[in-house]
């Protein structure tokens, strides 16, 4: 009976700790992908502004 307890107890600790690590890794991953998406949005906004400015310059030079 004691041997079974000594085998089951470490397994429970491993399972309990692995869940927390998965949540932390998932959270870090979501944060990184969120930052990448924000950077893409900013890049698009800057490109759109540059295109509008280029069109304005072209209109003024004609």
PDB file of N, CA and C in Angstrom:
ATOM      1  N   UNK A   1       0.826  -1.198   0.000  1.00  0.00           N
ATOM      2  CA  UNK A   1       0.000   0.000   0.000  1.00  0.00           C
ATOM      3  C   UNK A   1       0.864   1.254   0.000  1.00  0.00           C
ATOM      4  N   UNK A   2       1.904   1.278   0.791  1.00  0.00           N
ATOM      5  CA  UNK A   2       2.795   2.427   0.873  1.00  0.00           C
ATOM      6  C   UNK A   2       3.550   2.596  -0.442  1.00  0.00           C
ATOM      7  N   UNK A   3       3.918   1.470  -1.077  1.00  0.00           N
ATOM      8  CA  UNK A   3       4.642   1.548  -2.343  1.00  0.00           C
ATOM      9  C   UNK A   3       3.779   2.197  -3.419  1.00  0.00           C
ATOM     10  N   UNK A   4       2.511   1.860  -3.453  1.00  0.00           N
ATOM     11  CA  UNK A   4       1.599   2.445  -4.431  1.00  0.00           C
ATOM     12  C   UNK A   4       1.475   3.951  -4.188  1.00  0.00           C
ATOM     13  N   UNK A   5       1.368   4.328  -2.928  1.00  0.00           N
ATOM     14  CA  UNK A   5       1.272   5.742  -2.583  1.00  0.00           C
ATOM     15  C   UNK A   5       2.530   6.494  -3.011  1.00  0.00           C
ATOM     16  N   UNK A   6       3.685   5.886  -2.803  1.00  0.00           N
ATOM     17  CA  UNK A   6       4.953   6.523  -3.173  1.00  0.00           C
ATOM     18  C   UNK A   6       5.114   6.629  -4.691  1.00  0.00           C
ATOM     19  N   UNK A   7       4.451   5.769  -5.431  1.00  0.00           N
ATOM     20  CA  UNK A   7       4.504   5.848  -6.889  1.00  0.00           C
ATOM     21  C   UNK A   7       3.482   6.855  -7.409  1.00  0.00           C
ATOM     22  N   UNK A   8       2.309   6.876  -6.839  1.00  0.00           N
ATOM     23  CA  UNK A   8       1.235   7.751  -7.312  1.00  0.00           C
ATOM     24  C   UNK A   8       1.502   9.213  -6.941  1.00  0.00           C
ATOM     25  N   UNK A   9       2.052   9.467  -5.787  1.00  0.00           N
ATOM     26  CA  UNK A   9       2.275  10.836  -5.331  1.00  0.00           C
ATOM     27  C   UNK A   9       3.171  11.638  -6.281  1.00  0.00           C
ATOM     28  N   UNK A  10       4.342  11.132  -6.690  1.00  0.00           N
ATOM     29  CA  UNK A  10       5.153  11.916  -7.642  1.00  0.00           C
ATOM     30  C   UNK A  10       4.465  12.125  -8.996  1.00  0.00           C
ATOM     31  N   UNK A  11       3.683  11.152  -9.423  1.00  0.00           N
ATOM     32  CA  UNK A  11       2.960  11.297 -10.685  1.00  0.00           C
ATOM     33  C   UNK A  11       1.956  12.447 -10.582  1.00  0.00           C
ATOM     34  N   UNK A  12       1.269  12.547  -9.454  1.00  0.00           N
ATOM     35  CA  UNK A  12       0.322  13.643  -9.258  1.00  0.00           C
ATOM     36  C   UNK A  12       1.032  14.998  -9.246  1.00  0.00           C
ATOM     37  N   UNK A  13       2.202  15.055  -8.621  1.00  0.00           N
ATOM     38  CA  UNK A  13       2.964  16.310  -8.618  1.00  0.00           C
ATOM     39  C   UNK A  13       3.375  16.712 -10.029  1.00  0.00           C
ATOM     40  N   UNK A  14       3.802  15.749 -10.829  1.00  0.00           N
ATOM     41  CA  UNK A  14       4.222  16.038 -12.203  1.00  0.00           C
ATOM     42  C   UNK A  14       3.041  16.535 -13.027  1.00  0.00           C
ATOM     43  N   UNK A  15       1.914  15.884 -12.880  1.00  0.00           N
ATOM     44  CA  UNK A  15       0.718  16.292 -13.631  1.00  0.00           C
ATOM     45  C   UNK A  15       0.278  17.690 -13.195  1.00  0.00           C
ATOM     46  N   UNK A  16       0.294  17.947 -11.915  1.00  0.00           N
ATOM     47  CA  UNK A  16      -0.112  19.255 -11.402  1.00  0.00           C
ATOM     48  C   UNK A  16       0.797  20.366 -11.876  1.00  0.00           C
ATOM     49  N   UNK A  17       2.074  20.132 -11.910  1.00  0.00           N
ATOM     50  CA  UNK A  17       3.025  21.160 -12.346  1.00  0.00           C
ATOM     51  C   UNK A  17       2.982  21.363 -13.849  1.00  0.00           C
ATOM     52  N   UNK A  18       2.743  20.324 -14.606  1.00  0.00           N
ATOM     53  CA  UNK A  18       2.753  20.461 -16.060  1.00  0.00           C
ATOM     54  C   UNK A  18       1.611  21.345 -16.545  1.00  0.00           C
ATOM     55  N   UNK A  19       0.472  21.343 -15.888  1.00  0.00           N
ATOM     56  CA  UNK A  19      -0.648  22.184 -16.291  1.00  0.00           C
ATOM     57  C   UNK A  19      -0.290  23.663 -16.166  1.00  0.00           C
ATOM     58  N   UNK A  20       0.371  24.051 -15.100  1.00  0.00           N
ATOM     59  CA  UNK A  20       0.749  25.442 -14.904  1.00  0.00           C
ATOM     60  C   UNK A  20       1.760  25.879 -15.948  1.00  0.00           C
ATOM     61  N   UNK A  21       2.691  25.030 -16.300  1.00  0.00           N
ATOM     62  CA  UNK A  21       3.696  25.380 -17.296  1.00  0.00           C
ATOM     63  C   UNK A  21       3.042  25.568 -18.660  1.00  0.00           C
ATOM     64  N   UNK A  22       2.081  24.738 -18.999  1.00  0.00           N
ATOM     65  CA  UNK A  22       1.387  24.874 -20.279  1.00  0.00           C
ATOM     66  C   UNK A  22       0.653  26.210 -20.352  1.00  0.00           C
ATOM     67  N   UNK A  23       0.016  26.611 -19.274  1.00  0.00           N
ATOM     68  CA  UNK A  23      -0.708  27.879 -19.256  1.00  0.00           C
ATOM     69  C   UNK A  23       0.244  29.048 -19.423  1.00  0.00           C
ATOM     70  N   UNK A  24       1.399  28.987 -18.780  1.00  0.00           N
ATOM     71  CA  UNK A  24       2.379  30.067 -18.887  1.00  0.00           C
ATOM     72  C   UNK A  24       2.911  30.147 -20.311  1.00  0.00           C
ATOM     73  N   UNK A  25       3.256  29.004 -20.902  1.00  0.00           N
ATOM     74  CA  UNK A  25       3.770  29.004 -22.262  1.00  0.00           C
ATOM     75  C   UNK A  25       2.705  29.494 -23.240  1.00  0.00           C
ATOM     76  N   UNK A  26       1.480  29.088 -23.036  1.00  0.00           N
ATOM     77  CA  UNK A  26       0.396  29.517 -23.908  1.00  0.00           C
ATOM     78  C   UNK A  26       0.203  31.024 -23.791  1.00  0.00           C
ATOM     79  N   UNK A  27       0.247  31.535 -22.588  1.00  0.00           N
ATOM     80  CA  UNK A  27       0.073  32.971 -22.373  1.00  0.00           C
ATOM     81  C   UNK A  27       1.196  33.754 -23.044  1.00  0.00           C
ATOM     82  N   UNK A  28       2.431  33.305 -22.907  1.00  0.00           N
ATOM     83  CA  UNK A  28       3.562  33.981 -23.535  1.00  0.00           C
ATOM     84  C   UNK A  28       3.406  33.945 -25.043  1.00  0.00           C
ATOM     85  N   UNK A  29       2.986  32.833 -25.572  1.00  0.00           N
ATOM     86  CA  UNK A  29       2.805  32.710 -27.016  1.00  0.00           C
ATOM     87  C   UNK A  29       1.731  33.669 -27.503  1.00  0.00           C
ATOM     88  N   UNK A  30       0.629  33.757 -26.779  1.00  0.00           N
ATOM     89  CA  UNK A  30      -0.448  34.663 -27.178  1.00  0.00           C
ATOM     90  C   UNK A  30       0.021  36.107 -27.137  1.00  0.00           C
ATOM     91  N   UNK A  31       0.802  36.440 -26.154  1.00  0.00           N
ATOM     92  CA  UNK A  31       1.310  37.809 -26.034  1.00  0.00           C
ATOM     93  C   UNK A  31       2.221  38.146 -27.209  1.00  0.00           C
ATOM     94  N   UNK A  32       3.073  37.205 -27.588  1.00  0.00           N
ATOM     95  CA  UNK A  32       3.985  37.444 -28.704  1.00  0.00           C
ATOM     96  C   UNK A  32       3.231  37.578 -30.021  1.00  0.00           C
ATOM     97  N   UNK A  33       2.275  36.720 -30.260  1.00  0.00           N
ATOM     98  CA  UNK A  33       1.515  36.815 -31.507  1.00  0.00           C
ATOM     99  C   UNK A  33       0.669  38.083 -31.522  1.00  0.00           C
ATOM    100  N   UNK A  34       0.194  38.496 -30.361  1.00  0.00           N
ATOM    101  CA  UNK A  34      -0.562  39.748 -30.278  1.00  0.00           C
ATOM    102  C   UNK A  34       0.299  40.942 -30.650  1.00  0.00           C
ATOM    103  N   UNK A  35       1.538  40.931 -30.197  1.00  0.00           N
ATOM    104  CA  UNK A  35       2.453  42.020 -30.529  1.00  0.00           C
ATOM    105  C   UNK A  35       2.780  42.024 -32.023  1.00  0.00           C
ATOM    106  N   UNK A  36       2.911  40.850 -32.602  1.00  0.00           N
ATOM    107  CA  UNK A  36       3.183  40.759 -34.043  1.00  0.00           C
ATOM    108  C   UNK A  36       1.999  41.323 -34.829  1.00  0.00           C
ATOM    109  N   UNK A  37       0.792  40.990 -34.413  1.00  0.00           N
ATOM    110  CA  UNK A  37      -0.399  41.505 -35.090  1.00  0.00           C
ATOM    111  C   UNK A  37      -0.487  43.026 -34.973  1.00  0.00           C
ATOM    112  N   UNK A  38      -0.163  43.554 -33.794  1.00  0.00           N
ATOM    113  CA  UNK A  38      -0.177  45.005 -33.619  1.00  0.00           C
ATOM    114  C   UNK A  38       0.854  45.658 -34.535  1.00  0.00           C
ATOM    115  N   UNK A  39       2.021  45.046 -34.643  1.00  0.00           N
ATOM    116  CA  UNK A  39       3.073  45.590 -35.506  1.00  0.00           C
ATOM    117  C   UNK A  39       2.628  45.575 -36.967  1.00  0.00           C
ATOM    118  N   UNK A  40       1.947  44.525 -37.378  1.00  0.00           N
ATOM    119  CA  UNK A  40       1.438  44.463 -38.751  1.00  0.00           C
ATOM    120  C   UNK A  40       0.403  45.550 -38.995  1.00  0.00           C
ATOM    121  N   UNK A  41      -0.453  45.797 -38.004  1.00  0.00           N
ATOM    122  CA  UNK A  41      -1.459  46.850 -38.140  1.00  0.00           C
ATOM    123  C   UNK A  41      -0.802  48.221 -38.272  1.00  0.00           C
ATOM    124  N   UNK A  42       0.208  48.467 -37.470  1.00  0.00           N
ATOM    125  CA  UNK A  42       0.926  49.744 -37.535  1.00  0.00           C
ATOM    126  C   UNK A  42       1.629  49.885 -38.877  1.00  0.00           C
ATOM    127  N   UNK A  43       2.232  48.803 -39.350  1.00  0.00           N
ATOM    128  CA  UNK A  43       2.910  48.834 -40.644  1.00  0.00           C
ATOM    129  C   UNK A  43       1.920  49.174 -41.766  1.00  0.00           C
ATOM    130  N   UNK A  44       0.752  48.562 -41.721  1.00  0.00           N
ATOM    131  CA  UNK A  44      -0.271  48.831 -42.734  1.00  0.00           C
ATOM    132  C   UNK A  44      -0.711  50.289 -42.673  1.00  0.00           C
ATOM    133  N   UNK A  45      -0.897  50.793 -41.464  1.00  0.00           N
ATOM    134  CA  UNK A  45      -1.309  52.175 -41.301  1.00  0.00           C
ATOM    135  C   UNK A  45      -0.239  53.124 -41.861  1.00  0.00           C
ATOM    136  N   UNK A  46       1.021  52.848 -41.597  1.00  0.00           N
ATOM    137  CA  UNK A  46       2.101  53.688 -42.115  1.00  0.00           C
ATOM    138  C   UNK A  46       2.191  53.609 -43.634  1.00  0.00           C
ATOM    139  N   UNK A  47       2.024  52.421 -44.176  1.00  0.00           N
ATOM    140  CA  UNK A  47       2.043  52.269 -45.639  1.00  0.00           C
ATOM    141  C   UNK A  47       0.889  53.020 -46.291  1.00  0.00           C
ATOM    142  N   UNK A  48      -0.287  52.953 -45.693  1.00  0.00           N
ATOM    143  CA  UNK A  48      -1.443  53.683 -46.227  1.00  0.00           C
ATOM    144  C   UNK A  48      -1.192  55.186 -46.189  1.00  0.00           C
ATOM    145  N   UNK A  49      -0.633  55.677 -45.095  1.00  0.00           N
ATOM    146  CA  UNK A  49      -0.346  57.107 -44.983  1.00  0.00           C
ATOM    147  C   UNK A  49       0.700  57.527 -46.010  1.00  0.00           C
ATOM    148  N   UNK A  50       1.700  56.694 -46.232  1.00  0.00           N
ATOM    149  CA  UNK A  50       2.728  57.003 -47.225  1.00  0.00           C
ATOM    150  C   UNK A  50       2.137  57.025 -48.625  1.00  0.00           C
ATOM    151  N   UNK A  51       1.221  56.112 -48.934  1.00  0.00           N
ATOM    152  CA  UNK A  51       0.572  56.095 -50.242  1.00  0.00           C
ATOM    153  C   UNK A  51      -0.284  57.348 -50.447  1.00  0.00           C
ATOM    154  N   UNK A  52      -1.005  57.742 -49.419  1.00  0.00           N
ATOM    155  CA  UNK A  52      -1.829  58.943 -49.524  1.00  0.00           C
ATOM    156  C   UNK A  52      -0.961  60.176 -49.736  1.00  0.00           C
ATOM    157  N   UNK A  53       0.132  60.236 -49.028  1.00  0.00           N
ATOM    158  CA  UNK A  53       1.036  61.361 -49.184  1.00  0.00           C
ATOM    159  C   UNK A  53       1.639  61.377 -50.590  1.00  0.00           C
ATOM    160  N   UNK A  54       1.995  60.207 -51.106  1.00  0.00           N
ATOM    161  CA  UNK A  54       2.547  60.118 -52.455  1.00  0.00           C
ATOM    162  C   UNK A  54       1.520  60.573 -53.489  1.00  0.00           C
ATOM    163  N   UNK A  55       0.258  60.175 -53.319  1.00  0.00           N
ATOM    164  CA  UNK A  55      -0.797  60.609 -54.234  1.00  0.00           C
ATOM    165  C   UNK A  55      -0.983  62.117 -54.179  1.00  0.00           C
ATOM    166  N   UNK A  56      -0.928  62.676 -52.974  1.00  0.00           N
ATOM    167  CA  UNK A  56      -1.075  64.120 -52.813  1.00  0.00           C
ATOM    168  C   UNK A  56       0.061  64.865 -53.516  1.00  0.00           C
ATOM    169  N   UNK A  57       1.262  64.360 -53.378  1.00  0.00           N
ATOM    170  CA  UNK A  57       2.423  64.981 -54.056  1.00  0.00           C
ATOM    171  C   UNK A  57       2.274  64.902 -55.564  1.00  0.00           C
ATOM    172  N   UNK A  58       1.831  63.755 -56.056  1.00  0.00           N
ATOM    173  CA  UNK A  58       1.637  63.596 -57.497  1.00  0.00           C
ATOM    174  C   UNK A  58       0.573  64.550 -58.029  1.00  0.00           C
ATOM    175  N   UNK A  59      -0.504  64.744 -57.267  1.00  0.00           N
ATOM    176  CA  UNK A  59      -1.579  65.649 -57.680  1.00  0.00           C
ATOM    177  C   UNK A  59      -1.097  67.094 -57.701  1.00  0.00           C
ATOM    178  N   UNK A  60      -0.258  67.452 -56.755  1.00  0.00           N
ATOM    179  CA  UNK A  60       0.229  68.829 -56.682  1.00  0.00           C
ATOM    180  C   UNK A  60       1.242  69.132 -57.786  1.00  0.00           C
ATOM    181  N   UNK A  61       1.966  68.118 -58.238  1.00  0.00           N
ATOM    182  CA  UNK A  61       2.972  68.352 -59.263  1.00  0.00           C
ATOM    183  C   UNK A  61       2.383  68.347 -60.671  1.00  0.00           C
ATOM    184  N   UNK A  62       1.162  67.926 -60.838  1.00  0.00           N
ATOM    185  CA  UNK A  62       0.571  67.878 -62.182  1.00  0.00           C
ATOM    186  C   UNK A  62      -0.037  69.177 -62.575  1.00  0.00           C
TER     187      UNK A  62
END
